[in-house]
Amino acid sequence: MGVSVRSRAQRARLRRLRRSRRGLVAVVGTLLSLLVFLSLFGTFLTFYLPLWMSDNESNFTADIATSMAELQSNMQLQAVTGVASILSTPFTMSSESVPLLSVPTTGTLAFLPRTPGASVSLSIPNFLTANTPYHQTFGGTLGTLTLTLPNRYYTPTTFEMEDGAVIQYESDTNQLIVYPPAFALQKMGTSLSLTLALTQMYGNATRLTSPGTIQAYSELLGDTQTLKNNNTVSVASFFLNVTTHYPCAWTNFFLNSRSLANVTASQMSVTSVDSSGCVATAGQAKTVDVEISNLSTVTLLLANFQVSAGIGVV
């Protein structure tokens, strides 16, 4: 009788022990699965997520560059045709994201009708007649349209349109005119001809940030002028002064234009008034001076635009 009771008790203890072991195995298995999941998830967050977002921000930067090119093309078309129409350019203002893991990167569009440190002036002796020099300064300062992309995984980038040029800026030493203004220099024997377009943007100062699409509107104003010197008067020299926060971009653009036209440095000089070079730091503007000699003809296109921006439909 006593043996039977002990046997039943032992069997009960063995069953409880087996159940306890099975429960322990289940807990250990769950913990191991969780560790494997956390390891894989950590690898995803460490390596794959930055690559994914870097690709998203790279595409975002390329889309903004394309929109800036389209805006510049629209304005050039309006200036050349002289049609006082309103053209719109869409700007997608945010990148793609990784659902639940990373928010999209949102850009900021800012338009200033008068930007301190951005101006253009030119002087051409003997332009229209032997006794009539030509001098033009655009309102002291130029209007600028800037798009700032605070990329977190890709290189932070700023695009700015000033005087018809689109500048891409990544650092003080990494700035480039990606879409140049109309500046056509041609060499004919020993003489030169130049076609130049100067643009000024007007409107209300604007600063917009949106996760959707923003439309930038350009309207050609009615006072566009096309001037050309007569062929009987030789243009002795041409002076162009560009004051900008992106002197490296402008300096390299003028030097490349001189090289492509096979013009010597004695016929076209490009200098910066600051002896420290073309790097503008701490928001300081610098002036790039261009002097061209032995010009036979000069054609100027002077265009003024009304620029505005607003929320569009995606």
Protein backbone atom coordinates (compact mmCIF):
# COMPACT_ATOMS: atom_id res chain seq x y z
CA MET A 1 0.00 0.00 0.00
CA GLY A 2 2.80 2.37 1.01
CA VAL A 3 4.84 1.41 -2.05
CA SER A 4 1.94 2.13 -4.35
CA VAL A 5 1.49 5.59 -2.88
CA ARG A 6 5.19 6.36 -3.26
CA SER A 7 5.14 5.14 -6.85
CA ARG A 8 2.26 7.41 -7.71
CA ALA A 9 4.03 10.33 -6.06
CA GLN A 10 7.26 9.60 -7.94
CA ARG A 11 5.43 9.34 -11.23
CA ALA A 12 3.72 12.68 -10.52
CA ARG A 13 7.08 14.30 -9.76
CA LEU A 14 8.53 12.87 -12.98
CA ARG A 15 5.61 14.24 -14.99
CA ARG A 16 6.05 17.67 -13.42
CA LEU A 17 9.78 17.55 -14.14
CA ARG A 18 9.19 16.62 -17.76
CA ARG A 19 6.67 19.43 -18.13
CA SER A 20 9.12 21.84 -16.48
CA ARG A 21 11.87 20.78 -18.88
CA ARG A 22 9.58 21.20 -21.85
CA GLY A 23 8.66 24.65 -20.58
CA LEU A 24 12.34 25.53 -20.12
CA VAL A 25 13.12 24.41 -23.67
CA ALA A 26 10.25 26.55 -24.98
CA VAL A 27 11.52 29.60 -23.08
CA VAL A 28 15.09 29.08 -24.26
CA GLY A 29 13.89 28.57 -27.84
CA THR A 30 11.84 31.75 -27.69
CA LEU A 31 14.77 33.72 -26.33
CA LEU A 32 17.08 32.38 -29.02
CA SER A 33 14.55 33.25 -31.72
CA LEU A 34 14.21 36.72 -30.27
CA LEU A 35 17.98 37.15 -30.21
CA VAL A 36 18.23 36.04 -33.84
CA PHE A 37 15.46 38.48 -34.79
CA LEU A 38 17.09 41.36 -32.89
CA SER A 39 20.43 40.54 -34.50
CA LEU A 40 18.94 40.56 -37.99
CA PHE A 41 16.92 43.70 -37.25
CA GLY A 42 20.02 45.43 -35.90
CA THR A 43 21.92 44.49 -39.05
CA PHE A 44 19.05 45.91 -41.12
CA LEU A 45 19.06 49.18 -39.16
CA THR A 46 22.84 49.47 -39.25
CA PHE A 47 23.54 48.61 -42.87
CA TYR A 48 20.45 48.32 -45.08
CA LEU A 49 18.38 51.26 -43.79
CA PRO A 50 21.14 53.87 -44.39
CA LEU A 51 21.70 52.51 -47.91
CA TRP A 52 17.97 52.61 -48.63
CA MET A 53 17.59 56.16 -47.33
CA SER A 54 20.78 57.28 -49.07
CA ASP A 55 19.30 56.05 -52.34
CA ASN A 56 16.02 57.85 -51.56
CA GLU A 57 17.81 61.12 -50.82
CA SER A 58 20.01 60.73 -53.90
CA ASN A 59 16.87 60.46 -56.05
CA PHE A 60 15.37 63.42 -54.18
CA THR A 61 18.43 65.54 -54.96
CA ALA A 62 18.33 64.51 -58.62
CA ASP A 63 14.61 65.39 -58.82
CA ILE A 64 15.26 68.87 -57.41
CA ALA A 65 18.10 69.39 -59.90
CA THR A 66 15.74 68.42 -62.73
CA SER A 67 13.09 70.87 -61.49
CA MET A 68 15.66 73.67 -61.28
CA ALA A 69 16.70 72.92 -64.87
CA GLU A 70 13.05 73.03 -65.95
CA LEU A 71 12.51 76.38 -64.21
CA GLN A 72 15.61 77.82 -65.87
CA SER A 73 14.49 76.46 -69.26
CA ASN A 74 11.03 78.01 -68.83
CA MET A 75 12.54 81.41 -68.03
CA GLN A 76 14.96 81.25 -70.94
CA LEU A 77 12.10 80.33 -73.28
CA GLN A 78 10.02 83.24 -72.01
CA ALA A 79 12.95 85.66 -72.40
CA VAL A 80 13.79 84.56 -75.93
CA THR A 81 10.22 84.49 -77.23
CA GLY A 82 9.16 87.61 -75.34
CA VAL A 83 5.82 86.02 -74.49
CA ALA A 84 4.44 87.46 -71.23
CA SER A 85 2.87 84.19 -70.13
CA ILE A 86 2.97 82.44 -66.75
CA LEU A 87 4.77 79.10 -66.63
CA SER A 88 4.82 76.80 -63.61
CA THR A 89 7.46 74.32 -62.48
CA PRO A 90 6.67 71.59 -59.93
CA PHE A 91 9.10 70.84 -57.11
CA THR A 92 8.68 67.60 -55.14
CA MET A 93 9.72 68.75 -51.69
CA SER A 94 10.38 65.48 -49.84
CA SER A 95 12.16 62.21 -50.39
CA GLU A 96 10.77 58.71 -50.11
CA SER A 97 10.95 57.10 -46.67
CA VAL A 98 11.19 53.68 -45.06
CA PRO A 99 7.75 52.90 -43.56
CA LEU A 100 7.70 52.88 -39.74
CA LEU A 101 11.50 53.20 -39.58
CA SER A 102 12.55 56.50 -41.16
CA VAL A 103 10.73 59.72 -41.97
CA PRO A 104 11.21 61.43 -45.35
CA THR A 105 13.69 64.25 -45.78
CA THR A 106 11.93 67.54 -46.49
CA GLY A 107 13.46 70.46 -48.38
CA THR A 108 12.92 74.19 -47.98
CA LEU A 109 12.26 76.64 -50.82
CA ALA A 110 13.15 80.28 -50.25
CA PHE A 111 12.75 83.17 -52.67
CA LEU A 112 14.28 86.59 -52.01
CA PRO A 113 13.69 89.41 -54.51
CA ARG A 114 16.71 91.28 -53.11
CA THR A 115 19.52 89.10 -51.84
CA PRO A 116 22.41 90.86 -50.05
CA GLY A 117 25.68 89.75 -51.57
CA ALA A 118 24.23 88.81 -54.97
CA SER A 119 24.56 91.46 -57.66
CA VAL A 120 25.73 91.94 -61.23
CA SER A 121 27.00 95.02 -63.01
CA LEU A 122 28.59 95.50 -66.39
CA SER A 123 30.20 98.31 -68.31
CA ILE A 124 30.90 98.48 -72.05
CA PRO A 125 32.65 101.56 -73.42
CA ASN A 126 31.72 102.48 -77.01
CA PHE A 127 28.72 100.16 -76.99
CA LEU A 128 26.10 101.96 -79.10
CA THR A 129 28.10 104.92 -80.41
CA ALA A 130 31.63 106.06 -80.00
CA ASN A 131 30.56 108.56 -77.35
CA THR A 132 27.94 106.47 -75.54
CA PRO A 133 29.25 103.98 -72.99
CA TYR A 134 26.87 101.41 -71.57
CA HIS A 135 26.53 100.62 -67.90
CA GLN A 136 23.95 98.39 -66.25
CA THR A 137 23.45 97.43 -62.62
CA PHE A 138 20.53 95.25 -61.65
CA GLY A 139 18.86 96.93 -58.70
CA GLY A 140 21.93 96.66 -56.48
CA THR A 141 21.03 93.07 -55.64
CA LEU A 142 19.66 90.13 -57.56
CA GLY A 143 16.65 88.00 -56.76
CA THR A 144 17.53 84.43 -55.81
CA LEU A 145 15.55 81.21 -55.50
CA THR A 146 17.13 78.68 -53.14
CA LEU A 147 16.27 75.07 -52.35
CA THR A 148 17.94 73.59 -49.28
CA LEU A 149 18.04 69.80 -48.89
CA PRO A 150 19.14 68.80 -45.35
CA ASN A 151 19.97 65.22 -46.36
CA ARG A 152 20.83 62.97 -43.43
CA TYR A 153 22.24 59.96 -45.29
CA TYR A 154 23.23 61.55 -48.62
CA THR A 155 25.30 64.73 -49.01
CA PRO A 156 23.40 67.84 -47.83
CA THR A 157 22.91 70.03 -50.89
CA THR A 158 21.75 73.53 -51.73
CA PHE A 159 20.55 74.64 -55.17
CA GLU A 160 20.33 78.33 -55.94
CA MET A 161 19.24 80.21 -59.04
CA GLU A 162 20.83 83.61 -59.42
CA ASP A 163 21.21 85.69 -62.57
CA GLY A 164 19.92 82.87 -64.74
CA ALA A 165 22.44 80.30 -63.44
CA VAL A 166 21.67 77.26 -61.27
CA ILE A 167 24.38 76.63 -58.69
CA GLN A 168 24.78 73.40 -56.71
CA TYR A 169 26.52 73.91 -53.37
CA GLU A 170 27.75 71.18 -51.02
CA SER A 171 30.66 72.94 -49.28
CA ASP A 172 32.78 76.08 -49.60
CA THR A 173 35.13 74.26 -51.97
CA ASN A 174 32.51 72.09 -53.66
CA GLN A 175 30.25 74.43 -55.62
CA LEU A 176 29.39 74.25 -59.27
CA ILE A 177 27.19 75.96 -61.86
CA VAL A 178 25.30 72.89 -63.01
CA TYR A 179 23.07 74.80 -65.45
CA PRO A 180 24.91 77.84 -66.83
CA PRO A 181 23.40 81.17 -67.83
CA ALA A 182 23.40 82.40 -71.42
CA PHE A 183 27.03 83.41 -71.91
CA ALA A 184 28.21 82.60 -75.45
CA LEU A 185 31.74 83.66 -76.33
CA GLN A 186 32.98 83.09 -79.89
CA LYS A 187 36.36 83.76 -81.41
CA MET A 188 36.57 85.06 -84.97
CA GLY A 189 40.19 85.42 -86.01
CA THR A 190 41.68 87.78 -83.46
CA SER A 191 38.37 89.38 -82.44
CA LEU A 192 35.61 88.10 -80.19
CA SER A 193 31.82 88.22 -80.09
CA LEU A 194 29.71 87.82 -76.99
CA THR A 195 26.06 87.06 -76.36
CA LEU A 196 24.96 87.55 -72.78
CA ALA A 197 21.60 87.31 -71.00
CA LEU A 198 21.05 89.00 -67.64
CA THR A 199 17.97 88.27 -65.54
CA GLN A 200 16.41 89.85 -62.48
CA MET A 201 13.70 88.18 -60.39
CA TYR A 202 11.04 90.18 -58.54
CA GLY A 203 8.20 89.18 -56.23
CA ASN A 204 7.32 88.67 -52.60
CA ALA A 205 9.83 87.05 -50.28
CA THR A 206 8.74 83.45 -49.68
CA ARG A 207 9.87 80.55 -47.51
CA LEU A 208 8.03 77.23 -47.85
CA THR A 209 8.44 73.71 -46.51
CA SER A 210 6.01 71.02 -47.60
CA PRO A 211 5.86 67.21 -47.69
CA GLY A 212 4.09 67.44 -51.05
CA THR A 213 4.64 69.48 -54.20
CA ILE A 214 5.32 73.20 -54.52
CA GLN A 215 4.78 75.08 -57.76
CA ALA A 216 7.18 77.86 -58.76
CA TYR A 217 5.67 80.35 -61.20
CA SER A 218 7.63 82.63 -63.53
CA GLU A 219 6.08 85.51 -65.43
CA LEU A 220 8.03 87.57 -67.94
CA LEU A 221 7.59 91.29 -67.32
CA GLY A 222 7.09 93.63 -70.23
CA ASP A 223 10.40 95.48 -70.11
CA THR A 224 12.66 92.84 -71.68
CA GLN A 225 15.31 94.40 -73.88
CA THR A 226 17.64 93.08 -76.56
CA LEU A 227 20.57 95.39 -77.30
CA LYS A 228 23.31 94.98 -79.89
CA ASN A 229 26.14 97.31 -80.77
CA ASN A 230 26.44 98.46 -84.37
CA ASN A 231 29.15 96.88 -86.50
CA THR A 232 30.82 100.18 -87.37
CA VAL A 233 32.04 100.77 -83.83
CA SER A 234 34.64 98.50 -82.26
CA VAL A 235 33.99 97.60 -78.65
CA ALA A 236 37.24 98.30 -76.87
CA SER A 237 36.56 96.33 -73.71
CA PHE A 238 33.87 94.67 -71.63
CA PHE A 239 33.71 94.68 -67.82
CA LEU A 240 31.47 92.29 -65.88
CA ASN A 241 31.35 92.14 -62.09
CA VAL A 242 29.51 89.31 -60.36
CA THR A 243 29.14 89.55 -56.59
CA THR A 244 28.09 86.23 -55.13
CA HIS A 245 28.31 83.79 -52.23
CA TYR A 246 29.50 81.16 -54.72
CA PRO A 247 32.69 82.67 -56.21
CA CYS A 248 34.25 79.27 -56.93
CA ALA A 249 31.31 78.30 -59.11
CA TRP A 250 31.35 81.54 -61.10
CA THR A 251 35.14 81.65 -61.42
CA ASN A 252 35.29 78.11 -62.77
CA PHE A 253 32.39 78.81 -65.14
CA PHE A 254 34.10 81.83 -66.69
CA LEU A 255 37.43 80.01 -66.93
CA ASN A 256 35.76 77.04 -68.64
CA SER A 257 33.94 79.38 -71.04
CA ARG A 258 37.28 80.99 -71.93
CA SER A 259 38.88 77.61 -72.49
CA LEU A 260 36.04 76.28 -74.65
CA ALA A 261 36.17 79.39 -76.85
CA ASN A 262 39.96 79.03 -77.17
CA VAL A 263 40.45 82.55 -75.85
CA THR A 264 43.72 83.57 -74.26
CA ALA A 265 44.05 84.99 -70.76
CA SER A 266 45.25 88.27 -72.26
CA GLN A 267 41.92 88.65 -74.10
CA MET A 268 39.76 87.54 -71.17
CA SER A 269 40.86 87.88 -67.57
CA VAL A 270 38.97 86.34 -64.64
CA THR A 271 39.96 87.50 -61.17
CA SER A 272 38.59 87.60 -57.65
CA VAL A 273 39.03 90.81 -55.67
CA ASP A 274 39.85 88.75 -52.57
CA SER A 275 43.44 87.51 -52.46
CA SER A 276 42.41 84.49 -50.37
CA GLY A 277 40.91 82.89 -53.46
CA CYS A 278 37.41 81.93 -54.50
CA VAL A 279 36.25 80.38 -51.23
CA ALA A 280 33.52 82.39 -49.49
CA THR A 281 33.23 81.50 -45.81
CA ALA A 282 30.91 82.60 -43.01
CA GLY A 283 28.37 83.91 -45.51
CA GLN A 284 30.72 86.53 -46.94
CA ALA A 285 30.15 87.52 -50.56
CA LYS A 286 32.99 88.04 -53.02
CA THR A 287 33.22 89.67 -56.41
CA VAL A 288 34.41 87.93 -59.55
CA ASP A 289 35.69 90.39 -62.17
CA VAL A 290 35.69 89.56 -65.87
CA GLU A 291 37.36 91.76 -68.46
CA ILE A 292 37.21 90.96 -72.18
CA SER A 293 39.15 92.94 -74.76
CA ASN A 294 39.07 93.14 -78.55
CA LEU A 295 35.33 92.54 -78.81
CA SER A 296 33.76 93.11 -82.21
CA THR A 297 30.10 92.60 -81.28
CA VAL A 298 28.10 92.31 -78.08
CA THR A 299 24.48 91.20 -77.84
CA LEU A 300 22.65 91.72 -74.53
CA LEU A 301 19.34 90.24 -73.47
CA LEU A 302 17.94 91.90 -70.35
CA ALA A 303 14.96 90.07 -68.85
CA ASN A 304 12.90 90.71 -65.72
CA PHE A 305 10.67 88.08 -64.12
CA GLN A 306 7.94 88.00 -61.53
CA VAL A 307 8.50 84.87 -59.45
CA SER A 308 6.12 83.31 -56.93
CA ALA A 309 5.73 79.94 -55.25
CA GLY A 310 2.81 78.09 -53.70
CA ILE A 311 1.44 74.73 -52.74
CA GLY A 312 0.47 72.68 -55.78
CA VAL A 313 -1.43 69.47 -56.37
CA VAL A 314 0.56 66.26 -56.09
